[in-house]
PDB file of all heavy atoms in Angstrom:
ATOM      1  N   LEU A   1      -0.390  10.495   0.828  1.00  0.00           N
ATOM      2  CA  LEU A   1       0.556   9.860  -0.117  1.00  0.00           C
ATOM      3  C   LEU A   1       1.790   9.305   0.617  1.00  0.00           C
ATOM      4  O   LEU A   1       2.515   8.437   0.090  1.00  0.00           O
ATOM      5  CB  LEU A   1       0.938  10.799  -1.188  1.00  0.00           C
ATOM      6  CG  LEU A   1      -0.159  11.402  -2.060  1.00  0.00           C
ATOM      7  CD1 LEU A   1       0.386  12.529  -3.024  1.00  0.00           C
ATOM      8  CD2 LEU A   1      -0.951  10.306  -2.848  1.00  0.00           C
ATOM      9  N   ASP A   2       2.198   9.894   1.725  1.00  0.00           N
ATOM     10  CA  ASP A   2       3.402   9.611   2.366  1.00  0.00           C
ATOM     11  C   ASP A   2       3.327   8.446   3.306  1.00  0.00           C
ATOM     12  O   ASP A   2       2.224   8.147   3.801  1.00  0.00           O
ATOM     13  CB  ASP A   2       4.047  10.825   3.065  1.00  0.00           C
ATOM     14  CG  ASP A   2       3.088  11.412   4.201  1.00  0.00           C
ATOM     15  OD1 ASP A   2       1.839  11.320   4.005  1.00  0.00           O
ATOM     16  OD2 ASP A   2       3.637  11.841   5.226  1.00  0.00           O
ATOM     17  N   THR A   3       4.403   7.833   3.588  1.00  0.00           N
ATOM     18  CA  THR A   3       4.536   6.760   4.612  1.00  0.00           C
ATOM     19  C   THR A   3       5.645   7.132   5.636  1.00  0.00           C
ATOM     20  O   THR A   3       6.280   8.184   5.515  1.00  0.00           O
ATOM     21  CB  THR A   3       4.866   5.434   3.967  1.00  0.00           C
ATOM     22  OG1 THR A   3       6.263   5.410   3.546  1.00  0.00           O
ATOM     23  CG2 THR A   3       4.044   5.177   2.699  1.00  0.00           C
ATOM     24  N   VAL A   4       5.833   6.170   6.570  1.00  0.00           N
ATOM     25  CA  VAL A   4       6.850   6.394   7.595  1.00  0.00           C
ATOM     26  C   VAL A   4       8.196   5.656   7.205  1.00  0.00           C
ATOM     27  O   VAL A   4       9.137   5.745   7.967  1.00  0.00           O
ATOM     28  CB  VAL A   4       6.426   5.900   8.996  1.00  0.00           C
ATOM     29  CG1 VAL A   4       5.143   6.655   9.453  1.00  0.00           C
ATOM     30  CG2 VAL A   4       6.161   4.328   8.982  1.00  0.00           C
ATOM     31  N   PHE A   5       8.242   5.001   6.100  1.00  0.00           N
ATOM     32  CA  PHE A   5       9.261   4.110   5.811  1.00  0.00           C
ATOM     33  C   PHE A   5      10.387   4.728   5.010  1.00  0.00           C
ATOM     34  O   PHE A   5      10.184   5.541   4.076  1.00  0.00           O
ATOM     35  CB  PHE A   5       8.717   2.806   4.975  1.00  0.00           C
ATOM     36  CG  PHE A   5       7.707   2.113   5.812  1.00  0.00           C
ATOM     37  CD1 PHE A   5       6.397   2.214   5.585  1.00  0.00           C
ATOM     38  CD2 PHE A   5       8.172   1.284   6.830  1.00  0.00           C
ATOM     39  CE1 PHE A   5       5.459   1.524   6.309  1.00  0.00           C
ATOM     40  CE2 PHE A   5       7.200   0.524   7.594  1.00  0.00           C
ATOM     41  CZ  PHE A   5       5.875   0.688   7.320  1.00  0.00           C
ATOM     42  N   PRO A   6      11.661   4.347   5.282  1.00  0.00           N
ATOM     43  CA  PRO A   6      12.841   4.954   4.616  1.00  0.00           C
ATOM     44  C   PRO A   6      13.061   4.459   3.195  1.00  0.00           C
ATOM     45  O   PRO A   6      12.503   3.457   2.780  1.00  0.00           O
ATOM     46  CB  PRO A   6      14.007   4.602   5.502  1.00  0.00           C
ATOM     47  CG  PRO A   6      13.586   3.272   6.148  1.00  0.00           C
ATOM     48  CD  PRO A   6      12.115   3.428   6.328  1.00  0.00           C
ATOM     49  N   GLU A   7      13.901   5.177   2.507  1.00  0.00           N
ATOM     50  CA  GLU A   7      14.270   4.840   1.153  1.00  0.00           C
ATOM     51  C   GLU A   7      14.832   3.383   1.167  1.00  0.00           C
ATOM     52  O   GLU A   7      15.625   3.046   2.034  1.00  0.00           O
ATOM     53  CB  GLU A   7      15.391   5.813   0.599  1.00  0.00           C
ATOM     54  CG  GLU A   7      15.768   5.629  -0.812  1.00  0.00           C
ATOM     55  CD  GLU A   7      14.786   6.190  -1.743  1.00  0.00           C
ATOM     56  OE1 GLU A   7      13.986   7.106  -1.448  1.00  0.00           O
ATOM     57  OE2 GLU A   7      14.749   5.702  -2.917  1.00  0.00           O
ATOM     58  N   GLY A   8      14.479   2.591   0.229  1.00  0.00           N
ATOM     59  CA  GLY A   8      14.923   1.194   0.045  1.00  0.00           C
ATOM     60  C   GLY A   8      13.970   0.156   0.563  1.00  0.00           C
ATOM     61  O   GLY A   8      14.181  -1.036   0.307  1.00  0.00           O
ATOM     62  N   THR A   9      12.948   0.651   1.336  1.00  0.00           N
ATOM     63  CA  THR A   9      12.028  -0.297   1.879  1.00  0.00           C
ATOM     64  C   THR A   9      11.194  -1.071   0.866  1.00  0.00           C
ATOM     65  O   THR A   9      10.928  -2.280   0.937  1.00  0.00           O
ATOM     66  CB  THR A   9      11.036   0.371   2.939  1.00  0.00           C
ATOM     67  OG1 THR A   9      11.831   1.079   3.876  1.00  0.00           O
ATOM     68  CG2 THR A   9      10.195  -0.711   3.626  1.00  0.00           C
ATOM     69  N   ALA A  10      10.785  -0.321  -0.197  1.00  0.00           N
ATOM     70  CA  ALA A  10       9.965  -0.908  -1.238  1.00  0.00           C
ATOM     71  C   ALA A  10      10.727  -2.106  -1.974  1.00  0.00           C
ATOM     72  O   ALA A  10      10.097  -3.073  -2.335  1.00  0.00           O
ATOM     73  CB  ALA A  10       9.518   0.098  -2.238  1.00  0.00           C
ATOM     74  N   ALA A  11      11.996  -1.881  -2.149  1.00  0.00           N
ATOM     75  CA  ALA A  11      12.816  -2.946  -2.773  1.00  0.00           C
ATOM     76  C   ALA A  11      12.987  -4.101  -1.850  1.00  0.00           C
ATOM     77  O   ALA A  11      13.050  -5.298  -2.216  1.00  0.00           O
ATOM     78  CB  ALA A  11      14.179  -2.339  -3.296  1.00  0.00           C
ATOM     79  N   GLU A  12      13.189  -3.785  -0.576  1.00  0.00           N
ATOM     80  CA  GLU A  12      13.394  -4.821   0.419  1.00  0.00           C
ATOM     81  C   GLU A  12      12.151  -5.620   0.728  1.00  0.00           C
ATOM     82  O   GLU A  12      12.195  -6.856   0.876  1.00  0.00           O
ATOM     83  CB  GLU A  12      13.875  -4.166   1.701  1.00  0.00           C
ATOM     84  CG  GLU A  12      14.122  -5.117   2.849  1.00  0.00           C
ATOM     85  CD  GLU A  12      14.520  -4.409   4.145  1.00  0.00           C
ATOM     86  OE1 GLU A  12      14.977  -3.237   4.062  1.00  0.00           O
ATOM     87  OE2 GLU A  12      14.330  -4.944   5.266  1.00  0.00           O
ATOM     88  N   ARG A  13      11.023  -4.930   0.771  1.00  0.00           N
ATOM     89  CA  ARG A  13       9.720  -5.571   1.133  1.00  0.00           C
ATOM     90  C   ARG A  13       8.668  -5.131   0.122  1.00  0.00           C
ATOM     91  O   ARG A  13       7.746  -4.452   0.495  1.00  0.00           O
ATOM     92  CB  ARG A  13       9.300  -5.271   2.521  1.00  0.00           C
ATOM     93  CG  ARG A  13      10.173  -5.825   3.645  1.00  0.00           C
ATOM     94  CD  ARG A  13       9.605  -5.585   5.023  1.00  0.00           C
ATOM     95  NE  ARG A  13       9.598  -4.239   5.479  1.00  0.00           N
ATOM     96  CZ  ARG A  13       8.532  -3.436   5.499  1.00  0.00           C
ATOM     97  NH1 ARG A  13       7.317  -3.899   5.035  1.00  0.00           N
ATOM     98  NH2 ARG A  13       8.612  -2.143   5.908  1.00  0.00           N
ATOM     99  N   PRO A  14       8.694  -5.549  -1.127  1.00  0.00           N
ATOM    100  CA  PRO A  14       7.695  -5.107  -2.127  1.00  0.00           C
ATOM    101  C   PRO A  14       6.368  -5.693  -1.814  1.00  0.00           C
ATOM    102  O   PRO A  14       6.141  -6.596  -1.029  1.00  0.00           O
ATOM    103  CB  PRO A  14       8.291  -5.591  -3.482  1.00  0.00           C
ATOM    104  CG  PRO A  14       9.084  -6.843  -3.042  1.00  0.00           C
ATOM    105  CD  PRO A  14       9.728  -6.453  -1.749  1.00  0.00           C
ATOM    106  N   PHE A  15       5.301  -5.103  -2.508  1.00  0.00           N
ATOM    107  CA  PHE A  15       4.019  -5.575  -2.336  1.00  0.00           C
ATOM    108  C   PHE A  15       3.891  -7.025  -2.567  1.00  0.00           C
ATOM    109  O   PHE A  15       4.339  -7.568  -3.564  1.00  0.00           O
ATOM    110  CB  PHE A  15       3.115  -4.768  -3.311  1.00  0.00           C
ATOM    111  CG  PHE A  15       1.622  -5.127  -3.230  1.00  0.00           C
ATOM    112  CD1 PHE A  15       0.825  -4.490  -2.338  1.00  0.00           C
ATOM    113  CD2 PHE A  15       1.050  -6.134  -4.023  1.00  0.00           C
ATOM    114  CE1 PHE A  15      -0.595  -4.820  -2.244  1.00  0.00           C
ATOM    115  CE2 PHE A  15      -0.244  -6.446  -3.907  1.00  0.00           C
ATOM    116  CZ  PHE A  15      -1.083  -5.814  -3.041  1.00  0.00           C
ATOM    117  N   ASN A  16       3.157  -7.649  -1.640  1.00  0.00           N
ATOM    118  CA  ASN A  16       2.846  -9.138  -1.827  1.00  0.00           C
ATOM    119  C   ASN A  16       1.634  -9.493  -1.008  1.00  0.00           C
ATOM    120  O   ASN A  16       1.304  -8.794  -0.034  1.00  0.00           O
ATOM    121  CB  ASN A  16       4.052 -10.056  -1.448  1.00  0.00           C
ATOM    122  CG  ASN A  16       4.271 -10.043   0.044  1.00  0.00           C
ATOM    123  OD1 ASN A  16       3.894 -11.072   0.692  1.00  0.00           O
ATOM    124  ND2 ASN A  16       4.891  -8.993   0.623  1.00  0.00           N
ATOM    125  N   ILE A  17       1.045 -10.532  -1.390  1.00  0.00           N
ATOM    126  CA  ILE A  17      -0.229 -11.032  -0.681  1.00  0.00           C
ATOM    127  C   ILE A  17       0.117 -12.314  -0.140  1.00  0.00           C
ATOM    128  O   ILE A  17       0.479 -13.307  -0.770  1.00  0.00           O
ATOM    129  CB  ILE A  17      -1.432 -11.038  -1.619  1.00  0.00           C
ATOM    130  CG1 ILE A  17      -1.781  -9.640  -2.126  1.00  0.00           C
ATOM    131  CG2 ILE A  17      -2.593 -11.696  -0.931  1.00  0.00           C
ATOM    132  CD1 ILE A  17      -2.876  -9.591  -3.141  1.00  0.00           C
ATOM    133  N   GLU A  18      -0.085 -12.444   1.214  1.00  0.00           N
ATOM    134  CA  GLU A  18       0.121 -13.740   1.896  1.00  0.00           C
ATOM    135  C   GLU A  18      -1.242 -14.031   2.566  1.00  0.00           C
ATOM    136  O   GLU A  18      -1.614 -13.421   3.510  1.00  0.00           O
ATOM    137  CB  GLU A  18       1.163 -13.602   2.942  1.00  0.00           C
ATOM    138  CG  GLU A  18       2.573 -13.351   2.358  1.00  0.00           C
ATOM    139  CD  GLU A  18       3.603 -13.208   3.465  1.00  0.00           C
ATOM    140  OE1 GLU A  18       3.295 -13.535   4.630  1.00  0.00           O
ATOM    141  OE2 GLU A  18       4.711 -12.765   3.174  1.00  0.00           O
ATOM    142  N   GLY A  19      -1.905 -15.111   2.081  1.00  0.00           N
ATOM    143  CA  GLY A  19      -3.211 -15.396   2.568  1.00  0.00           C
ATOM    144  C   GLY A  19      -4.180 -14.264   2.283  1.00  0.00           C
ATOM    145  O   GLY A  19      -4.400 -13.874   1.110  1.00  0.00           O
ATOM    146  N   ASP A  20      -4.762 -13.663   3.354  1.00  0.00           N
ATOM    147  CA  ASP A  20      -5.727 -12.583   3.178  1.00  0.00           C
ATOM    148  C   ASP A  20      -5.016 -11.228   3.262  1.00  0.00           C
ATOM    149  O   ASP A  20      -5.694 -10.216   3.129  1.00  0.00           O
ATOM    150  CB  ASP A  20      -6.858 -12.660   4.207  1.00  0.00           C
ATOM    151  CG  ASP A  20      -7.932 -11.646   4.001  1.00  0.00           C
ATOM    152  OD1 ASP A  20      -8.334 -11.418   2.841  1.00  0.00           O
ATOM    153  OD2 ASP A  20      -8.399 -11.036   4.970  1.00  0.00           O
ATOM    154  N   TRP A  21      -3.692 -11.215   3.490  1.00  0.00           N
ATOM    155  CA  TRP A  21      -3.066  -9.961   3.888  1.00  0.00           C
ATOM    156  C   TRP A  21      -2.134  -9.417   2.778  1.00  0.00           C
ATOM    157  O   TRP A  21      -1.275 -10.106   2.293  1.00  0.00           O
ATOM    158  CB  TRP A  21      -2.212 -10.212   5.164  1.00  0.00           C
ATOM    159  CG  TRP A  21      -3.096 -10.556   6.302  1.00  0.00           C
ATOM    160  CD1 TRP A  21      -3.190 -11.818   6.878  1.00  0.00           C
ATOM    161  CD2 TRP A  21      -4.036  -9.796   6.974  1.00  0.00           C
ATOM    162  NE1 TRP A  21      -4.081 -11.862   7.924  1.00  0.00           N
ATOM    163  CE2 TRP A  21      -4.674 -10.558   7.979  1.00  0.00           C
ATOM    164  CE3 TRP A  21      -4.424  -8.463   6.913  1.00  0.00           C
ATOM    165  CZ2 TRP A  21      -5.640 -10.121   8.910  1.00  0.00           C
ATOM    166  CZ3 TRP A  21      -5.390  -7.949   7.763  1.00  0.00           C
ATOM    167  CH2 TRP A  21      -5.960  -8.791   8.714  1.00  0.00           C
ATOM    168  N   ALA A  22      -2.465  -8.143   2.410  1.00  0.00           N
ATOM    169  CA  ALA A  22      -1.582  -7.471   1.482  1.00  0.00           C
ATOM    170  C   ALA A  22      -0.518  -6.729   2.328  1.00  0.00           C
ATOM    171  O   ALA A  22      -0.863  -6.023   3.284  1.00  0.00           O
ATOM    172  CB  ALA A  22      -2.371  -6.467   0.704  1.00  0.00           C
ATOM    173  N   LYS A  23       0.756  -6.923   1.926  1.00  0.00           N
ATOM    174  CA  LYS A  23       1.841  -6.419   2.683  1.00  0.00           C
ATOM    175  C   LYS A  23       2.755  -5.519   1.862  1.00  0.00           C
ATOM    176  O   LYS A  23       2.712  -5.622   0.622  1.00  0.00           O
ATOM    177  CB  LYS A  23       2.617  -7.579   3.318  1.00  0.00           C
ATOM    178  CG  LYS A  23       1.810  -8.487   4.257  1.00  0.00           C
ATOM    179  CD  LYS A  23       2.706  -9.489   4.926  1.00  0.00           C
ATOM    180  CE  LYS A  23       1.871 -10.356   5.920  1.00  0.00           C
ATOM    181  NZ  LYS A  23       2.651 -11.388   6.582  1.00  0.00           N
ATOM    182  N   GLY A  24       3.559  -4.747   2.532  1.00  0.00           N
ATOM    183  CA  GLY A  24       4.417  -3.816   1.877  1.00  0.00           C
ATOM    184  C   GLY A  24       4.325  -2.466   2.542  1.00  0.00           C
ATOM    185  O   GLY A  24       3.404  -2.160   3.255  1.00  0.00           O
ATOM    186  N   PRO A  25       5.337  -1.547   2.289  1.00  0.00           N
ATOM    187  CA  PRO A  25       5.360  -0.251   2.956  1.00  0.00           C
ATOM    188  C   PRO A  25       4.153   0.593   2.621  1.00  0.00           C
ATOM    189  O   PRO A  25       4.010   1.021   1.438  1.00  0.00           O
ATOM    190  CB  PRO A  25       6.675   0.328   2.496  1.00  0.00           C
ATOM    191  CG  PRO A  25       7.020  -0.371   1.274  1.00  0.00           C
ATOM    192  CD  PRO A  25       6.514  -1.724   1.398  1.00  0.00           C
ATOM    193  N   GLY A  26       3.283   0.865   3.539  1.00  0.00           N
ATOM    194  CA  GLY A  26       2.158   1.778   3.269  1.00  0.00           C
ATOM    195  C   GLY A  26       0.935   0.981   2.702  1.00  0.00           C
ATOM    196  O   GLY A  26      -0.036   1.560   2.360  1.00  0.00           O
ATOM    197  N   ALA A  27       1.024  -0.367   2.703  1.00  0.00           N
ATOM    198  CA  ALA A  27      -0.059  -1.138   2.111  1.00  0.00           C
ATOM    199  C   ALA A  27      -1.381  -0.828   2.811  1.00  0.00           C
ATOM    200  O   ALA A  27      -2.441  -0.655   2.121  1.00  0.00           O
ATOM    201  CB  ALA A  27       0.158  -2.654   2.296  1.00  0.00           C
ATOM    202  N   ALA A  28      -1.379  -0.524   4.121  1.00  0.00           N
ATOM    203  CA  ALA A  28      -2.532  -0.204   4.838  1.00  0.00           C
ATOM    204  C   ALA A  28      -2.672   1.344   4.985  1.00  0.00           C
ATOM    205  O   ALA A  28      -3.657   1.935   4.764  1.00  0.00           O
ATOM    206  CB  ALA A  28      -2.626  -0.858   6.192  1.00  0.00           C
ATOM    207  N   ASP A  29      -1.504   1.930   5.374  1.00  0.00           N
ATOM    208  CA  ASP A  29      -1.429   3.350   5.814  1.00  0.00           C
ATOM    209  C   ASP A  29      -0.545   4.111   4.866  1.00  0.00           C
ATOM    210  O   ASP A  29       0.640   4.221   5.103  1.00  0.00           O
ATOM    211  CB  ASP A  29      -0.903   3.369   7.249  1.00  0.00           C
ATOM    212  CG  ASP A  29      -0.928   4.734   7.833  1.00  0.00           C
ATOM    213  OD1 ASP A  29      -1.582   5.650   7.255  1.00  0.00           O
ATOM    214  OD2 ASP A  29      -0.298   4.963   8.880  1.00  0.00           O
ATOM    215  N   CYS A  30      -1.072   4.688   3.747  1.00  0.00           N
ATOM    216  CA  CYS A  30      -2.492   4.877   3.488  1.00  0.00           C
ATOM    217  C   CYS A  30      -2.822   4.541   2.044  1.00  0.00           C
ATOM    218  O   CYS A  30      -3.679   5.106   1.494  1.00  0.00           O
ATOM    219  CB  CYS A  30      -2.784   6.242   3.889  1.00  0.00           C
ATOM    220  SG  CYS A  30      -4.559   6.762   3.919  1.00  0.00           S
ATOM    221  N   LYS A  31      -2.031   3.593   1.474  1.00  0.00           N
ATOM    222  CA  LYS A  31      -2.201   3.331   0.019  1.00  0.00           C
ATOM    223  C   LYS A  31      -3.563   2.624  -0.259  1.00  0.00           C
ATOM    224  O   LYS A  31      -4.181   2.951  -1.309  1.00  0.00           O
ATOM    225  CB  LYS A  31      -1.124   2.449  -0.484  1.00  0.00           C
ATOM    226  CG  LYS A  31       0.301   2.939  -0.180  1.00  0.00           C
ATOM    227  CD  LYS A  31       0.549   4.313  -0.902  1.00  0.00           C
ATOM    228  CE  LYS A  31       1.985   4.879  -0.663  1.00  0.00           C
ATOM    229  NZ  LYS A  31       3.029   3.993  -1.087  1.00  0.00           N
ATOM    230  N   SER A  32      -4.065   1.869   0.738  1.00  0.00           N
ATOM    231  CA  SER A  32      -5.368   1.244   0.515  1.00  0.00           C
ATOM    232  C   SER A  32      -6.477   2.280   0.460  1.00  0.00           C
ATOM    233  O   SER A  32      -7.369   2.232  -0.308  1.00  0.00           O
ATOM    234  CB  SER A  32      -5.722   0.204   1.586  1.00  0.00           C
ATOM    235  OG  SER A  32      -6.022   0.872   2.820  1.00  0.00           O
ATOM    236  N   GLY A  33      -6.376   3.324   1.273  1.00  0.00           N
ATOM    237  CA  GLY A  33      -7.403   4.417   1.347  1.00  0.00           C
ATOM    238  C   GLY A  33      -7.366   5.254   0.155  1.00  0.00           C
ATOM    239  O   GLY A  33      -8.352   5.685  -0.451  1.00  0.00           O
ATOM    240  N   ALA A  34      -6.093   5.600  -0.354  1.00  0.00           N
ATOM    241  CA  ALA A  34      -5.992   6.416  -1.553  1.00  0.00           C
ATOM    242  C   ALA A  34      -6.572   5.650  -2.666  1.00  0.00           C
ATOM    243  O   ALA A  34      -7.286   6.279  -3.596  1.00  0.00           O
ATOM    244  CB  ALA A  34      -4.479   6.712  -1.782  1.00  0.00           C
ATOM    245  N   ASN A  35      -6.300   4.409  -2.799  1.00  0.00           N
ATOM    246  CA  ASN A  35      -6.833   3.575  -3.855  1.00  0.00           C
ATOM    247  C   ASN A  35      -8.349   3.421  -3.791  1.00  0.00           C
ATOM    248  O   ASN A  35      -9.019   3.391  -4.787  1.00  0.00           O
ATOM    249  CB  ASN A  35      -6.165   2.149  -3.763  1.00  0.00           C
ATOM    250  CG  ASN A  35      -6.043   1.491  -5.149  1.00  0.00           C
ATOM    251  OD1 ASN A  35      -6.122   2.149  -6.181  1.00  0.00           O
ATOM    252  ND2 ASN A  35      -5.893   0.166  -5.180  1.00  0.00           N
ATOM    253  N   MET A  36      -8.822   3.357  -2.538  1.00  0.00           N
ATOM    254  CA  MET A  36     -10.343   3.250  -2.346  1.00  0.00           C
ATOM    255  C   MET A  36     -10.980   4.500  -2.932  1.00  0.00           C
ATOM    256  O   MET A  36     -12.089   4.336  -3.560  1.00  0.00           O
ATOM    257  CB  MET A  36     -10.636   3.057  -0.873  1.00  0.00           C
ATOM    258  CG  MET A  36     -11.884   2.402  -0.565  1.00  0.00           C
ATOM    259  SD  MET A  36     -11.874   0.604  -1.034  1.00  0.00           S
ATOM    260  CE  MET A  36     -10.777  -0.076   0.248  1.00  0.00           C
ATOM    261  N   MET A  37     -10.459   5.624  -2.741  1.00  0.00           N
ATOM    262  CA  MET A  37     -11.053   6.891  -3.231  1.00  0.00           C
ATOM    263  C   MET A  37     -11.076   6.811  -4.772  1.00  0.00           C
ATOM    264  O   MET A  37     -12.075   7.217  -5.422  1.00  0.00           O
ATOM    265  CB  MET A  37     -10.296   8.040  -2.687  1.00  0.00           C
ATOM    266  CG  MET A  37     -10.494   8.330  -1.230  1.00  0.00           C
ATOM    267  SD  MET A  37      -9.197   9.325  -0.503  1.00  0.00           S
ATOM    268  CE  MET A  37      -9.241  10.852  -1.483  1.00  0.00           C
ATOM    269  N   LEU A  38      -9.927   6.420  -5.373  1.00  0.00           N
ATOM    270  CA  LEU A  38      -9.851   6.337  -6.831  1.00  0.00           C
ATOM    271  C   LEU A  38     -10.914   5.370  -7.385  1.00  0.00           C
ATOM    272  O   LEU A  38     -11.590   5.737  -8.311  1.00  0.00           O
ATOM    273  CB  LEU A  38      -8.400   5.825  -7.169  1.00  0.00           C
ATOM    274  CG  LEU A  38      -8.266   5.327  -8.615  1.00  0.00           C
ATOM    275  CD1 LEU A  38      -8.465   6.475  -9.606  1.00  0.00           C
ATOM    276  CD2 LEU A  38      -6.930   4.631  -8.827  1.00  0.00           C
ATOM    277  N   PHE A  39     -11.033   4.230  -6.788  1.00  0.00           N
ATOM    278  CA  PHE A  39     -11.945   3.196  -7.372  1.00  0.00           C
ATOM    279  C   PHE A  39     -13.414   3.567  -7.056  1.00  0.00           C
ATOM    280  O   PHE A  39     -14.298   3.190  -7.801  1.00  0.00           O
ATOM    281  CB  PHE A  39     -11.596   1.819  -6.879  1.00  0.00           C
ATOM    282  CG  PHE A  39     -10.537   1.188  -7.764  1.00  0.00           C
ATOM    283  CD1 PHE A  39      -9.213   1.477  -7.606  1.00  0.00           C
ATOM    284  CD2 PHE A  39     -10.951   0.363  -8.814  1.00  0.00           C
ATOM    285  CE1 PHE A  39      -8.272   0.964  -8.439  1.00  0.00           C
ATOM    286  CE2 PHE A  39     -10.038  -0.209  -9.634  1.00  0.00           C
ATOM    287  CZ  PHE A  39      -8.623   0.086  -9.486  1.00  0.00           C
ATOM    288  N   ALA A  40     -13.698   4.252  -5.966  1.00  0.00           N
ATOM    289  CA  ALA A  40     -15.097   4.692  -5.746  1.00  0.00           C
ATOM    290  C   ALA A  40     -15.525   5.653  -6.884  1.00  0.00           C
ATOM    291  O   ALA A  40     -16.666   5.518  -7.362  1.00  0.00           O
ATOM    292  CB  ALA A  40     -15.187   5.450  -4.383  1.00  0.00           C
ATOM    293  N   MET A  41     -14.633   6.535  -7.317  1.00  0.00           N
ATOM    294  CA  MET A  41     -14.933   7.389  -8.409  1.00  0.00           C
ATOM    295  C   MET A  41     -14.989   6.652  -9.741  1.00  0.00           C
ATOM    296  O   MET A  41     -15.806   7.007 -10.644  1.00  0.00           O
ATOM    297  CB  MET A  41     -14.034   8.555  -8.487  1.00  0.00           C
ATOM    298  CG  MET A  41     -14.079   9.490  -7.273  1.00  0.00           C
ATOM    299  SD  MET A  41     -15.776  10.047  -6.852  1.00  0.00           S
ATOM    300  CE  MET A  41     -16.356  10.796  -8.348  1.00  0.00           C
ATOM    301  N   LYS A  42     -14.104   5.671  -9.887  1.00  0.00           N
ATOM    302  CA  LYS A  42     -14.282   4.868 -11.108  1.00  0.00           C
ATOM    303  C   LYS A  42     -15.599   4.145 -11.236  1.00  0.00           C
ATOM    304  O   LYS A  42     -16.152   4.068 -12.260  1.00  0.00           O
ATOM    305  CB  LYS A  42     -13.102   3.812 -11.131  1.00  0.00           C
ATOM    306  CG  LYS A  42     -11.810   4.324 -11.498  1.00  0.00           C
ATOM    307  CD  LYS A  42     -10.778   3.217 -11.749  1.00  0.00           C
ATOM    308  CE  LYS A  42      -9.433   3.746 -12.319  1.00  0.00           C
ATOM    309  NZ  LYS A  42      -8.612   2.724 -12.859  1.00  0.00           N
ATOM    310  N   HIS A  43     -16.099   3.703 -10.064  1.00  0.00           N
ATOM    311  CA  HIS A  43     -17.390   3.037 -10.005  1.00  0.00           C
ATOM    312  C   HIS A  43     -18.540   3.954 -10.403  1.00  0.00           C
ATOM    313  O   HIS A  43     -19.434   3.654 -11.182  1.00  0.00           O
ATOM    314  CB  HIS A  43     -17.638   2.382  -8.640  1.00  0.00           C
ATOM    315  CG  HIS A  43     -16.662   1.297  -8.328  1.00  0.00           C
ATOM    316  ND1 HIS A  43     -16.302   0.999  -7.057  1.00  0.00           N
ATOM    317  CD2 HIS A  43     -15.934   0.532  -9.143  1.00  0.00           C
ATOM    318  CE1 HIS A  43     -15.399   0.033  -7.052  1.00  0.00           C
ATOM    319  NE2 HIS A  43     -15.170  -0.284  -8.263  1.00  0.00           N
TER     320      HIS A  43
END
């Protein structure tokens, strides 16, 4: 659940998609994986 980014990063760089890339603090490490587990069980 945790990331390496300090307080205020989410407001400064919120989630957004540019082309094929989802960006934002922890978008890859590890929010995508946590979400993948959730949706695998939803399926």
